[in-house]
Amino acid sequence: MTTTELQLSRNGQKVVTGDITFTASDKVAYIVVNADATFANITDQSDNDVLTESALSGITLSVGMIISAKNGGMLKRVNVSAGSVLAIFG
């Protein structure tokens, strides 16, 4: 998959406003903040804590910010405390 295909959400997207767990076959490449958001939890498919790895714990992320796992990993759990995000399928 090319960068352009990922940017265009060619494989779809899903709005997340609460807690959701994606399977490996869902292939959530990244999330885009749709409304200013805070998070209780974001993990990758290996259960690594993306918030801690990215120093994003306890802060409000602004509209348009993109969050992804390290090393091209796919996201597994996204728990939005406030706001909303789009999960982009890769």
N, C-alpha and C. Protein backbone atom coordinates (compact mmCIF):
# COMPACT_ATOMS: atom_id res chain seq x y z
N MET A 1 0.84 -1.17 0.00
CA MET A 1 0.00 0.00 0.00
C MET A 1 0.89 1.24 0.00
N THR A 2 0.55 2.17 -0.86
CA THR A 2 1.33 3.40 -0.96
C THR A 2 0.88 4.42 0.08
N THR A 3 1.73 5.42 0.30
CA THR A 3 1.38 6.50 1.23
C THR A 3 0.11 7.20 0.77
N THR A 4 -0.03 7.42 -0.52
CA THR A 4 -1.22 8.08 -1.05
C THR A 4 -2.47 7.27 -0.74
N GLU A 5 -2.41 5.96 -0.90
CA GLU A 5 -3.57 5.13 -0.60
C GLU A 5 -3.95 5.23 0.87
N LEU A 6 -2.96 5.26 1.76
CA LEU A 6 -3.25 5.41 3.18
C LEU A 6 -3.88 6.76 3.47
N GLN A 7 -3.36 7.82 2.85
CA GLN A 7 -3.89 9.15 3.08
C GLN A 7 -5.33 9.28 2.60
N LEU A 8 -5.69 8.53 1.58
CA LEU A 8 -7.04 8.61 1.02
C LEU A 8 -8.03 7.67 1.72
N SER A 9 -7.57 6.92 2.69
CA SER A 9 -8.43 5.97 3.39
C SER A 9 -9.05 4.97 2.41
N ARG A 10 -8.28 4.54 1.46
CA ARG A 10 -8.80 3.67 0.40
C ARG A 10 -9.46 2.41 0.94
N ASN A 11 -8.99 1.93 2.07
CA ASN A 11 -9.57 0.72 2.65
C ASN A 11 -10.61 1.01 3.72
N GLY A 12 -11.00 2.26 3.84
CA GLY A 12 -12.08 2.62 4.75
C GLY A 12 -11.61 3.21 6.06
N GLN A 13 -12.58 3.61 6.84
CA GLN A 13 -12.33 4.22 8.14
C GLN A 13 -13.53 3.97 9.05
N LYS A 14 -13.33 4.21 10.34
CA LYS A 14 -14.40 4.04 11.32
C LYS A 14 -14.25 5.13 12.36
N VAL A 15 -15.36 5.78 12.69
CA VAL A 15 -15.35 6.79 13.75
C VAL A 15 -15.30 6.07 15.10
N VAL A 16 -14.43 6.56 15.97
CA VAL A 16 -14.31 5.99 17.32
C VAL A 16 -14.57 7.12 18.32
N THR A 17 -15.55 6.90 19.21
CA THR A 17 -15.86 7.88 20.25
C THR A 17 -15.77 7.27 21.64
N GLY A 18 -15.41 6.02 21.74
CA GLY A 18 -15.30 5.33 23.03
C GLY A 18 -14.16 4.34 22.98
N ASP A 19 -14.42 3.14 23.45
CA ASP A 19 -13.41 2.09 23.54
C ASP A 19 -13.70 1.02 22.50
N ILE A 20 -12.71 0.70 21.67
CA ILE A 20 -12.89 -0.33 20.65
C ILE A 20 -11.59 -1.10 20.51
N THR A 21 -11.71 -2.40 20.27
CA THR A 21 -10.55 -3.25 20.01
C THR A 21 -10.68 -3.78 18.59
N PHE A 22 -9.64 -3.56 17.80
CA PHE A 22 -9.60 -4.03 16.42
C PHE A 22 -8.79 -5.32 16.36
N THR A 23 -9.12 -6.18 15.41
CA THR A 23 -8.36 -7.41 15.20
C THR A 23 -7.19 -7.12 14.27
N ALA A 24 -6.26 -8.04 14.20
CA ALA A 24 -5.12 -7.88 13.30
C ALA A 24 -5.59 -7.78 11.85
N SER A 25 -6.66 -8.48 11.52
CA SER A 25 -7.15 -8.44 10.13
C SER A 25 -7.83 -7.11 9.79
N ASP A 26 -8.21 -6.31 10.79
CA ASP A 26 -8.76 -4.98 10.53
C ASP A 26 -7.70 -4.04 9.96
N LYS A 27 -6.45 -4.24 10.35
CA LYS A 27 -5.31 -3.45 9.86
C LYS A 27 -5.52 -1.94 10.01
N VAL A 28 -5.67 -1.50 11.26
CA VAL A 28 -5.79 -0.06 11.52
C VAL A 28 -4.38 0.53 11.50
N ALA A 29 -4.08 1.27 10.43
CA ALA A 29 -2.75 1.82 10.22
C ALA A 29 -2.47 3.02 11.12
N TYR A 30 -3.49 3.87 11.32
CA TYR A 30 -3.33 5.04 12.17
C TYR A 30 -4.69 5.62 12.50
N ILE A 31 -4.70 6.58 13.42
CA ILE A 31 -5.92 7.30 13.73
C ILE A 31 -5.69 8.78 13.48
N VAL A 32 -6.76 9.46 13.11
CA VAL A 32 -6.73 10.90 12.87
C VAL A 32 -7.74 11.54 13.81
N VAL A 33 -7.31 12.55 14.55
CA VAL A 33 -8.19 13.22 15.49
C VAL A 33 -9.24 14.02 14.71
N ASN A 34 -10.51 13.70 14.97
CA ASN A 34 -11.64 14.32 14.29
C ASN A 34 -12.20 15.49 15.11
N ALA A 35 -12.19 15.38 16.43
CA ALA A 35 -12.57 16.44 17.37
C ALA A 35 -11.58 16.33 18.53
N ASP A 36 -11.08 17.46 19.02
CA ASP A 36 -10.06 17.43 20.07
C ASP A 36 -10.30 16.25 21.01
N ALA A 37 -9.25 15.47 21.25
CA ALA A 37 -9.43 14.19 21.93
C ALA A 37 -8.40 13.93 23.02
N THR A 38 -8.85 13.20 24.04
CA THR A 38 -7.97 12.62 25.05
C THR A 38 -8.22 11.12 25.04
N PHE A 39 -7.24 10.38 25.51
CA PHE A 39 -7.29 8.92 25.43
C PHE A 39 -6.99 8.27 26.76
N ALA A 40 -7.69 7.17 27.04
CA ALA A 40 -7.38 6.34 28.19
C ALA A 40 -6.35 5.29 27.81
N ASN A 41 -6.37 4.89 26.52
CA ASN A 41 -5.50 3.79 26.10
C ASN A 41 -5.41 3.75 24.58
N ILE A 42 -4.22 3.51 24.07
CA ILE A 42 -4.01 3.15 22.67
C ILE A 42 -2.90 2.10 22.68
N THR A 43 -3.18 0.94 22.08
CA THR A 43 -2.15 -0.10 21.99
C THR A 43 -2.02 -0.57 20.55
N ASP A 44 -0.84 -1.15 20.26
CA ASP A 44 -0.65 -1.75 18.95
C ASP A 44 -0.98 -3.24 19.04
N GLN A 45 -0.87 -3.96 17.94
CA GLN A 45 -1.25 -5.37 17.90
C GLN A 45 -0.36 -6.24 18.79
N SER A 46 0.80 -5.71 19.20
CA SER A 46 1.68 -6.43 20.13
C SER A 46 1.45 -6.00 21.57
N ASP A 47 0.37 -5.22 21.80
CA ASP A 47 0.00 -4.70 23.12
C ASP A 47 1.00 -3.70 23.70
N ASN A 48 1.79 -3.06 22.84
CA ASN A 48 2.65 -1.96 23.30
C ASN A 48 1.78 -0.73 23.53
N ASP A 49 2.10 0.04 24.56
CA ASP A 49 1.36 1.24 24.92
C ASP A 49 1.81 2.41 24.04
N VAL A 50 1.03 2.73 23.03
CA VAL A 50 1.39 3.78 22.08
C VAL A 50 1.41 5.16 22.75
N LEU A 51 0.52 5.39 23.70
CA LEU A 51 0.51 6.68 24.41
C LEU A 51 1.84 6.92 25.13
N THR A 52 2.32 5.92 25.84
CA THR A 52 3.58 6.05 26.57
C THR A 52 4.75 6.17 25.61
N GLU A 53 4.78 5.31 24.58
CA GLU A 53 5.89 5.34 23.62
C GLU A 53 5.98 6.68 22.90
N SER A 54 4.86 7.34 22.71
CA SER A 54 4.83 8.61 21.97
C SER A 54 4.74 9.83 22.87
N ALA A 55 4.81 9.63 24.18
CA ALA A 55 4.72 10.73 25.16
C ALA A 55 3.42 11.53 24.98
N LEU A 56 2.31 10.81 24.78
CA LEU A 56 1.01 11.44 24.56
C LEU A 56 0.05 11.28 25.74
N SER A 57 0.49 10.63 26.80
CA SER A 57 -0.39 10.40 27.94
C SER A 57 -0.80 11.70 28.60
N GLY A 58 -2.10 11.82 28.88
CA GLY A 58 -2.61 12.94 29.65
C GLY A 58 -2.71 14.26 28.92
N ILE A 59 -2.53 14.27 27.61
CA ILE A 59 -2.66 15.54 26.89
C ILE A 59 -3.84 15.48 25.92
N THR A 60 -4.34 16.65 25.56
CA THR A 60 -5.41 16.74 24.57
C THR A 60 -4.79 16.91 23.20
N LEU A 61 -5.18 16.05 22.29
CA LEU A 61 -4.68 16.13 20.92
C LEU A 61 -5.66 16.94 20.07
N SER A 62 -5.13 17.77 19.22
CA SER A 62 -5.93 18.67 18.41
C SER A 62 -6.41 18.02 17.12
N VAL A 63 -7.47 18.59 16.56
CA VAL A 63 -8.03 18.12 15.30
C VAL A 63 -6.93 18.04 14.24
N GLY A 64 -6.92 16.92 13.52
CA GLY A 64 -5.97 16.72 12.43
C GLY A 64 -4.72 15.97 12.80
N MET A 65 -4.43 15.84 14.09
CA MET A 65 -3.23 15.11 14.50
C MET A 65 -3.38 13.64 14.13
N ILE A 66 -2.26 13.02 13.75
CA ILE A 66 -2.23 11.62 13.34
C ILE A 66 -1.40 10.84 14.33
N ILE A 67 -1.92 9.69 14.78
CA ILE A 67 -1.21 8.84 15.73
C ILE A 67 -1.09 7.45 15.11
N SER A 68 0.12 6.91 15.14
CA SER A 68 0.35 5.57 14.62
C SER A 68 1.27 4.81 15.56
N ALA A 69 1.35 3.51 15.36
CA ALA A 69 2.26 2.68 16.14
C ALA A 69 3.67 2.80 15.56
N LYS A 70 4.66 2.42 16.34
CA LYS A 70 6.04 2.45 15.88
C LYS A 70 6.30 1.35 14.85
N ASN A 71 7.29 1.57 14.04
CA ASN A 71 7.81 0.56 13.12
C ASN A 71 6.76 -0.03 12.18
N GLY A 72 5.80 0.77 11.78
CA GLY A 72 4.80 0.30 10.83
C GLY A 72 3.77 -0.65 11.41
N GLY A 73 3.71 -0.75 12.74
CA GLY A 73 2.74 -1.64 13.38
C GLY A 73 1.31 -1.14 13.21
N MET A 74 0.37 -2.03 13.39
CA MET A 74 -1.05 -1.69 13.30
C MET A 74 -1.62 -1.52 14.70
N LEU A 75 -2.63 -0.68 14.81
CA LEU A 75 -3.25 -0.41 16.11
C LEU A 75 -4.26 -1.50 16.46
N LYS A 76 -4.38 -1.74 17.75
CA LYS A 76 -5.30 -2.76 18.25
C LYS A 76 -6.43 -2.13 19.06
N ARG A 77 -6.09 -1.42 20.12
CA ARG A 77 -7.11 -0.84 20.99
C ARG A 77 -7.01 0.68 20.98
N VAL A 78 -8.16 1.31 20.83
CA VAL A 78 -8.26 2.77 20.90
C VAL A 78 -9.37 3.08 21.89
N ASN A 79 -9.02 3.75 22.98
CA ASN A 79 -9.99 4.10 24.00
C ASN A 79 -10.00 5.63 24.14
N VAL A 80 -11.02 6.26 23.53
CA VAL A 80 -11.14 7.71 23.52
C VAL A 80 -11.93 8.15 24.75
N SER A 81 -11.33 8.99 25.59
CA SER A 81 -12.00 9.50 26.79
C SER A 81 -12.91 10.67 26.46
N ALA A 82 -12.45 11.52 25.53
CA ALA A 82 -13.24 12.68 25.09
C ALA A 82 -12.89 12.97 23.65
N GLY A 83 -13.84 13.47 22.88
CA GLY A 83 -13.62 13.78 21.48
C GLY A 83 -13.90 12.58 20.59
N SER A 84 -13.35 12.61 19.39
CA SER A 84 -13.52 11.49 18.46
C SER A 84 -12.34 11.42 17.51
N VAL A 85 -12.13 10.23 16.95
CA VAL A 85 -11.06 10.00 15.98
C VAL A 85 -11.60 9.15 14.84
N LEU A 86 -10.87 9.16 13.75
CA LEU A 86 -11.14 8.24 12.65
C LEU A 86 -10.03 7.20 12.66
N ALA A 87 -10.43 5.93 12.71
CA ALA A 87 -9.46 4.83 12.57
C ALA A 87 -9.35 4.55 11.08
N ILE A 88 -8.14 4.62 10.55
CA ILE A 88 -7.91 4.46 9.11
C ILE A 88 -7.39 3.05 8.85
N PHE A 89 -8.11 2.30 8.02
CA PHE A 89 -7.74 0.93 7.71
C PHE A 89 -6.69 0.90 6.60
N GLY A 90 -5.62 0.12 6.83
CA GLY A 90 -4.51 0.07 5.89
C GLY A 90 -4.51 -1.10 4.98
